Amino acid sequence: MTGRHISEGKTSAMTLPQTAVTEPTDIAGVAGAVRVARPVRKRKASNFEGGRGYVSEQDWRIPSVSWTMRILHGILLVLLLFVGVGPMLLLAKFAVTPTQDIIRTPLAIFPHGMRWENISEAWNDVKISRYFLNTIWLAAGSWFVQLLVATTGGFVLSVLRPAWAKIVNGLVIATLFVPSVVLLVPLYLTILNPPLIGTSLINNFLAVWLPSGASAFNVVIVTRFFDGLPREVFEAARVDGASAFRLFWSVVLPMSRPILGVVSVFAAIASWKDFLWPMLVLKDPTNQPLSVRLPAIASQTDLGVFLASLAISTLIPVVFFLIFQRMFLSSAGLGGAVKG
């Protein structure tokens, strides 16, 4: 009887599952060497190796398949860089190239030298500096209004959740199916004779800033992001006596940096490239942005100077995206918000 129990105990001990592979390591101590177990770190597999990819894990172990796939990935990366970065590099080259070289040999690498005067003439003579500043002001105001409406609207619909939140959320989503062109005439009439103000907003930056806040897309994505935030943090803040404004400013916004970066990039780029609405409400050339003035001056400007103006106009969106690319591509960043 005792022998059978002993054999069963040995069998169960031998069949216990091993949850982690460990290897010993030596740590020098005062009394001598102490041996502790440390988990072995495995190499992080590529997203293309095995899993749900189009090449199985067994096929990746075949050298010919592995090298072929790596070469194809490299070729695809080069093509993407050529298509994505190539036009911007070509525009930067044209910005400092003489006009005759652009017309005769556009792909030659500075056959007759570089002409840096294109940039100075575009900035000073064509008055790109004025239109550039107008564009920055329009983008900054549109960004602030869109961020204000999106965050406050998402906070009410997702965090506060009043009784009518579902109805308003449905109406906001329904506006996404309305074409923007349909709204041009009523929106223009509203700007021409706005309620409560009593004076026209034509040739005023407010005519661009205020309508930009009515972005249902931003409200929807911010609301969905707020839905994923831990509710325990909100309940703890309410127990501590935080008001709605304190909850919004001190708790929700610091946890929402990824979505704030996404909305910021969308708002800035959309305002920077907007053409139709600024052309309708900003009729004074001194108030128009680059997107409106550049097509107007194209026929009466030297080609090299005009391309230098285009290069200057693309500078801010590229820099803005490089600054916010980590927030734009990040979907996490909320770890540690709730402590166990």
Protein backbone atom coordinates (compact mmCIF):
# COMPACT_ATOMS: atom_id res chain seq x y z
CA MET A 1 0.00 0.00 0.00
CA THR A 2 2.75 2.37 0.93
CA GLY A 3 4.76 1.48 -2.16
CA ARG A 4 1.81 2.21 -4.43
CA HIS A 5 1.34 5.67 -2.86
CA ILE A 6 5.00 6.38 -3.29
CA SER A 7 4.93 5.34 -6.96
CA GLU A 8 1.83 7.44 -7.60
CA GLY A 9 3.52 10.44 -6.00
CA LYS A 10 6.55 9.99 -8.24
CA THR A 11 4.34 9.68 -11.31
CA SER A 12 2.36 12.84 -10.52
CA ALA A 13 5.52 14.76 -9.79
CA MET A 14 6.97 13.68 -13.10
CA THR A 15 3.89 14.71 -15.07
CA LEU A 16 3.56 18.22 -13.66
CA PRO A 17 3.45 20.81 -16.51
CA GLN A 18 6.40 23.14 -16.81
CA THR A 19 5.14 26.70 -17.12
CA ALA A 20 8.44 28.37 -17.89
CA VAL A 21 11.88 27.38 -19.09
CA THR A 22 14.52 28.60 -16.71
CA GLU A 23 18.27 28.61 -16.69
CA PRO A 24 20.50 29.08 -13.63
CA THR A 25 22.60 32.14 -13.11
CA ASP A 26 25.15 32.95 -10.42
CA ILE A 27 24.87 35.94 -8.14
CA ALA A 28 27.85 36.66 -5.92
CA GLY A 29 26.84 37.30 -2.35
CA VAL A 30 28.52 37.82 0.98
CA ALA A 31 28.20 34.18 2.02
CA GLY A 32 29.08 32.83 -1.40
CA ALA A 33 27.46 32.09 -4.70
CA VAL A 34 23.68 31.83 -4.68
CA ARG A 35 21.94 30.13 -7.56
CA VAL A 36 18.63 31.57 -8.68
CA ALA A 37 16.36 30.80 -11.62
CA ARG A 38 15.93 33.35 -14.41
CA PRO A 39 13.46 32.96 -17.30
CA VAL A 40 15.01 32.60 -20.74
CA ARG A 41 14.08 35.41 -23.11
CA LYS A 42 13.02 34.18 -26.50
CA ARG A 43 13.54 36.10 -29.71
CA LYS A 44 10.47 38.07 -30.71
CA ALA A 45 9.15 36.59 -33.91
CA SER A 46 8.31 38.78 -36.87
CA ASN A 47 4.68 39.47 -37.68
CA PHE A 48 5.23 37.83 -41.06
CA GLU A 49 6.74 34.63 -39.67
CA GLY A 50 4.08 31.98 -39.14
CA GLY A 51 0.90 32.85 -37.33
CA ARG A 52 -1.89 34.08 -39.55
CA GLY A 53 0.34 35.20 -42.41
CA TYR A 54 0.19 33.91 -45.95
CA VAL A 55 3.32 31.81 -45.31
CA SER A 56 3.14 29.19 -42.59
CA GLU A 57 5.71 28.76 -39.86
CA GLN A 58 6.95 25.53 -41.41
CA ASP A 59 7.52 27.27 -44.75
CA TRP A 60 9.48 30.05 -43.05
CA ARG A 61 11.97 27.40 -41.86
CA ILE A 62 12.82 26.54 -45.46
CA PRO A 63 15.84 28.71 -46.42
CA SER A 64 14.72 29.31 -50.01
CA VAL A 65 11.25 30.47 -48.94
CA SER A 66 12.63 32.60 -46.12
CA TRP A 67 15.14 34.43 -48.34
CA THR A 68 12.59 34.86 -51.13
CA MET A 69 10.06 36.45 -48.77
CA ARG A 70 12.67 38.75 -47.24
CA ILE A 71 13.75 39.92 -50.69
CA LEU A 72 10.12 40.57 -51.68
CA HIS A 73 9.57 42.55 -48.47
CA GLY A 74 12.67 44.62 -49.22
CA ILE A 75 11.51 45.33 -52.77
CA LEU A 76 8.06 46.31 -51.48
CA LEU A 77 9.64 48.65 -48.93
CA VAL A 78 11.75 50.32 -51.62
CA LEU A 79 8.68 50.78 -53.83
CA LEU A 80 6.69 52.30 -50.96
CA LEU A 81 9.53 54.72 -50.21
CA PHE A 82 9.78 55.61 -53.90
CA VAL A 83 6.05 56.30 -54.19
CA GLY A 84 5.66 58.02 -50.83
CA VAL A 85 8.89 59.98 -50.39
CA GLY A 86 9.88 60.36 -54.05
CA PRO A 87 7.42 63.17 -54.94
CA MET A 88 8.44 65.20 -51.90
CA LEU A 89 12.13 64.83 -52.71
CA LEU A 90 11.45 65.78 -56.32
CA LEU A 91 9.54 68.88 -55.21
CA ALA A 92 12.40 69.83 -52.88
CA LYS A 93 14.80 69.48 -55.82
CA PHE A 94 12.62 71.62 -58.10
CA ALA A 95 12.46 74.31 -55.40
CA VAL A 96 16.17 75.08 -55.88
CA THR A 97 16.45 74.29 -59.61
CA PRO A 98 16.46 76.92 -62.40
CA THR A 99 13.29 77.05 -64.46
CA GLN A 100 15.00 76.10 -67.72
CA ASP A 101 16.44 72.95 -66.14
CA ILE A 102 13.00 72.00 -64.79
CA ILE A 103 11.50 72.29 -68.27
CA ARG A 104 14.32 70.70 -70.31
CA THR A 105 15.79 68.04 -68.00
CA PRO A 106 13.45 67.62 -65.01
CA LEU A 107 15.11 64.42 -63.73
CA ALA A 108 18.70 65.61 -64.10
CA ILE A 109 20.52 66.39 -60.86
CA PHE A 110 21.29 70.12 -61.11
CA PRO A 111 22.96 70.19 -64.56
CA HIS A 112 23.51 73.97 -64.32
CA GLY A 113 23.78 74.34 -60.57
CA MET A 114 21.27 75.29 -57.91
CA ARG A 115 19.22 78.47 -57.68
CA TRP A 116 18.54 79.33 -54.04
CA GLU A 117 16.98 82.61 -55.11
CA ASN A 118 13.75 80.71 -55.85
CA ILE A 119 13.04 80.37 -52.13
CA SER A 120 13.81 84.00 -51.29
CA GLU A 121 11.73 85.28 -54.22
CA ALA A 122 8.83 83.04 -53.26
CA TRP A 123 9.00 84.20 -49.64
CA ASN A 124 9.39 87.93 -50.27
CA ASP A 125 8.29 88.83 -53.82
CA VAL A 126 5.31 86.49 -54.13
CA LYS A 127 4.32 87.27 -50.51
CA ILE A 128 4.26 83.62 -49.51
CA SER A 129 5.19 84.72 -46.00
CA ARG A 130 1.82 86.49 -45.58
CA TYR A 131 -0.20 83.57 -46.93
CA PHE A 132 1.89 81.18 -44.90
CA LEU A 133 1.03 83.06 -41.71
CA ASN A 134 -2.66 83.12 -42.68
CA THR A 135 -2.58 79.35 -43.15
CA ILE A 136 -0.96 78.84 -39.75
CA TRP A 137 -3.61 80.99 -38.06
CA LEU A 138 -6.43 79.16 -39.82
CA ALA A 139 -4.96 75.75 -38.96
CA ALA A 140 -4.35 76.70 -35.32
CA GLY A 141 -7.87 78.05 -34.84
CA SER A 142 -9.49 75.08 -36.58
CA TRP A 143 -7.38 72.69 -34.52
CA PHE A 144 -8.42 74.34 -31.25
CA VAL A 145 -12.14 74.41 -32.14
CA GLN A 146 -12.17 70.80 -33.36
CA LEU A 147 -10.28 69.57 -30.33
CA LEU A 148 -12.57 71.49 -27.98
CA VAL A 149 -15.79 70.19 -29.55
CA ALA A 150 -14.52 66.61 -29.95
CA THR A 151 -13.20 66.22 -26.40
CA THR A 152 -16.10 67.89 -24.64
CA GLY A 153 -18.66 66.08 -26.79
CA GLY A 154 -16.95 62.74 -26.26
CA PHE A 155 -16.70 63.42 -22.53
CA VAL A 156 -20.43 64.07 -22.22
CA LEU A 157 -21.49 61.12 -24.38
CA SER A 158 -19.03 58.59 -22.96
CA VAL A 159 -18.11 59.59 -19.40
CA LEU A 160 -21.05 61.59 -18.06
CA ARG A 161 -23.60 59.55 -20.05
CA PRO A 162 -26.84 61.49 -19.53
CA ALA A 163 -30.21 59.93 -20.36
CA TRP A 164 -30.25 61.42 -23.85
CA ALA A 165 -26.68 60.38 -24.72
CA LYS A 166 -27.71 57.50 -27.00
CA ILE A 167 -30.09 59.72 -28.99
CA VAL A 168 -27.46 62.42 -29.51
CA ASN A 169 -24.83 59.83 -30.36
CA GLY A 170 -27.11 58.37 -33.02
CA LEU A 171 -27.80 61.81 -34.49
CA VAL A 172 -24.07 62.57 -34.60
CA ILE A 173 -23.35 59.32 -36.43
CA ALA A 174 -26.24 60.02 -38.84
CA THR A 175 -24.60 63.29 -39.93
CA LEU A 176 -21.66 61.28 -41.29
CA PHE A 177 -23.90 60.13 -44.14
CA VAL A 178 -24.70 63.70 -45.25
CA PRO A 179 -22.40 64.88 -48.09
CA SER A 180 -20.48 68.02 -47.19
CA VAL A 181 -21.33 69.63 -50.54
CA VAL A 182 -25.02 69.67 -49.59
CA LEU A 183 -24.21 71.85 -46.57
CA LEU A 184 -22.30 74.56 -48.47
CA VAL A 185 -25.28 76.80 -49.33
CA PRO A 186 -27.00 76.77 -45.88
CA LEU A 187 -23.66 77.14 -44.14
CA TYR A 188 -22.70 80.08 -46.36
CA LEU A 189 -26.05 81.77 -45.66
CA THR A 190 -25.48 81.25 -41.95
CA ILE A 191 -22.03 82.85 -42.14
CA LEU A 192 -23.46 85.69 -44.23
CA ASN A 193 -26.06 86.48 -41.57
CA PRO A 194 -25.14 84.61 -38.37
CA PRO A 195 -27.68 84.48 -35.52
CA LEU A 196 -27.04 86.46 -32.32
CA ILE A 197 -24.01 88.21 -33.83
CA GLY A 198 -25.87 90.38 -36.32
CA THR A 199 -22.88 91.05 -38.58
CA SER A 200 -21.46 89.09 -41.47
CA LEU A 201 -18.40 86.90 -40.88
CA ILE A 202 -17.20 87.10 -44.50
CA ASN A 203 -13.44 87.85 -44.65
CA ASN A 204 -13.18 86.86 -40.99
CA PHE A 205 -11.18 83.89 -39.73
CA LEU A 206 -14.13 82.93 -37.53
CA ALA A 207 -15.97 81.95 -40.71
CA VAL A 208 -13.45 79.10 -41.08
CA TRP A 209 -12.85 78.32 -37.41
CA LEU A 210 -16.42 77.90 -36.22
CA PRO A 211 -17.74 75.54 -38.96
CA SER A 212 -14.66 73.34 -38.59
CA GLY A 213 -15.82 72.37 -35.10
CA ALA A 214 -18.87 70.57 -36.53
CA SER A 215 -16.86 67.42 -37.27
CA ALA A 216 -18.92 64.36 -36.40
CA PHE A 217 -16.01 62.06 -37.26
CA ASN A 218 -13.80 63.54 -34.53
CA VAL A 219 -16.60 63.31 -31.97
CA VAL A 220 -17.24 59.66 -32.85
CA ILE A 221 -13.61 58.51 -32.62
CA VAL A 222 -13.03 60.42 -29.37
CA THR A 223 -16.21 58.96 -27.89
CA ARG A 224 -15.13 55.45 -28.82
CA PHE A 225 -11.72 56.06 -27.27
CA PHE A 226 -13.26 57.36 -24.05
CA ASP A 227 -15.45 54.23 -23.94
CA GLY A 228 -12.30 52.14 -23.59
CA LEU A 229 -10.90 54.08 -20.63
CA PRO A 230 -11.10 52.33 -17.24
CA ARG A 231 -14.32 53.29 -15.46
CA GLU A 232 -12.72 52.56 -12.07
CA VAL A 233 -10.63 55.72 -12.38
CA PHE A 234 -13.74 57.84 -12.99
CA GLU A 235 -15.55 56.31 -10.02
CA ALA A 236 -12.52 56.88 -7.77
CA ALA A 237 -12.33 60.52 -8.85
CA ARG A 238 -16.03 61.02 -8.12
CA VAL A 239 -15.61 59.43 -4.68
CA ASP A 240 -12.76 61.84 -3.97
CA GLY A 241 -15.12 64.74 -4.75
CA ALA A 242 -13.87 65.71 -8.22
CA SER A 243 -16.26 67.87 -10.21
CA ALA A 244 -17.12 67.22 -13.86
CA PHE A 245 -14.60 69.82 -15.04
CA ARG A 246 -11.86 68.43 -12.75
CA LEU A 247 -12.62 64.91 -13.98
CA PHE A 248 -12.36 66.09 -17.58
CA TRP A 249 -9.22 68.20 -17.17
CA SER A 250 -7.18 66.17 -14.66
CA VAL A 251 -8.22 62.59 -15.37
CA VAL A 252 -9.65 62.10 -18.86
CA LEU A 253 -7.39 64.38 -20.93
CA PRO A 254 -4.06 63.08 -19.50
CA MET A 255 -5.18 59.53 -20.35
CA SER A 256 -6.20 60.52 -23.90
CA ARG A 257 -2.93 61.65 -25.43
CA PRO A 258 -3.00 59.09 -28.29
CA ILE A 259 -6.43 60.16 -29.54
CA LEU A 260 -5.59 63.84 -29.04
CA GLY A 261 -2.60 63.36 -31.31
CA VAL A 262 -4.74 61.64 -33.94
CA VAL A 263 -7.38 64.40 -33.89
CA SER A 264 -4.67 67.05 -33.99
CA VAL A 265 -3.08 65.57 -37.10
CA PHE A 266 -6.44 65.17 -38.82
CA ALA A 267 -7.52 68.72 -37.96
CA ALA A 268 -4.27 70.40 -38.96
CA ILE A 269 -3.90 68.57 -42.28
CA ALA A 270 -7.58 69.02 -43.20
CA SER A 271 -7.36 72.76 -42.50
CA TRP A 272 -4.03 73.09 -44.32
CA LYS A 273 -5.33 71.59 -47.57
CA ASP A 274 -8.89 72.97 -47.46
CA PHE A 275 -9.61 75.00 -50.60
CA LEU A 276 -13.32 75.43 -51.35
CA TRP A 277 -14.63 76.85 -48.08
CA PRO A 278 -11.81 79.39 -47.48
CA MET A 279 -12.20 80.55 -51.08
CA LEU A 280 -15.92 81.21 -50.49
CA VAL A 281 -15.71 83.07 -47.17
CA LEU A 282 -12.26 84.71 -47.44
CA LYS A 283 -12.56 86.83 -50.57
CA ASP A 284 -9.88 89.33 -49.58
CA PRO A 285 -6.51 88.09 -50.94
CA THR A 286 -4.72 89.40 -47.86
CA ASN A 287 -6.67 86.93 -45.68
CA GLN A 288 -6.49 83.89 -47.93
CA PRO A 289 -4.35 80.84 -47.11
CA LEU A 290 -1.81 79.11 -49.30
CA SER A 291 -4.32 76.58 -50.63
CA VAL A 292 -6.33 79.43 -52.19
CA ARG A 293 -3.59 81.82 -53.24
CA LEU A 294 -1.18 79.35 -54.87
CA PRO A 295 -3.58 78.35 -57.69
CA ALA A 296 -4.40 82.04 -58.23
CA ILE A 297 -0.76 83.09 -58.72
CA ALA A 298 0.34 80.02 -60.71
CA SER A 299 -0.17 81.60 -64.14
CA GLN A 300 1.74 84.80 -63.32
CA THR A 301 4.68 83.34 -61.42
CA ASP A 302 7.94 81.83 -62.63
CA LEU A 303 7.79 78.03 -62.54
CA GLY A 304 10.83 77.62 -60.29
CA VAL A 305 9.53 80.23 -57.85
CA PHE A 306 6.08 78.65 -57.89
CA LEU A 307 7.48 75.20 -57.12
CA ALA A 308 9.51 76.73 -54.30
CA SER A 309 6.23 78.14 -52.97
CA LEU A 310 4.67 74.68 -53.12
CA ALA A 311 7.64 73.23 -51.24
CA ILE A 312 7.23 75.83 -48.51
CA SER A 313 3.52 75.07 -48.24
CA THR A 314 4.20 71.36 -47.63
CA LEU A 315 6.77 71.99 -44.92
CA ILE A 316 4.42 72.41 -41.93
CA PRO A 317 2.25 69.28 -42.53
CA VAL A 318 5.35 67.10 -42.86
CA VAL A 319 6.96 68.50 -39.71
CA PHE A 320 3.67 68.31 -37.84
CA PHE A 321 3.23 64.64 -38.70
CA LEU A 322 6.82 63.81 -37.75
CA ILE A 323 6.25 65.40 -34.34
CA PHE A 324 2.97 63.59 -33.67
CA GLN A 325 3.70 60.32 -35.47
CA ARG A 326 4.21 58.40 -32.22
CA MET A 327 0.85 59.54 -30.87
CA PHE A 328 -0.75 59.02 -34.25
CA LEU A 329 0.45 55.43 -34.57
CA SER A 330 0.04 54.54 -30.91
CA SER A 331 -3.07 52.78 -29.70
CA ALA A 332 -1.87 52.00 -26.21
CA GLY A 333 -0.31 54.09 -23.51
CA LEU A 334 -2.97 53.47 -20.88
CA GLY A 335 -1.14 50.80 -18.97
CA GLY A 336 -0.78 51.47 -15.28
CA ALA A 337 -3.85 53.65 -15.04
CA VAL A 338 -5.46 51.20 -12.63
CA LYS A 339 -3.30 49.76 -9.90
CA GLY A 340 -4.22 46.40 -8.45
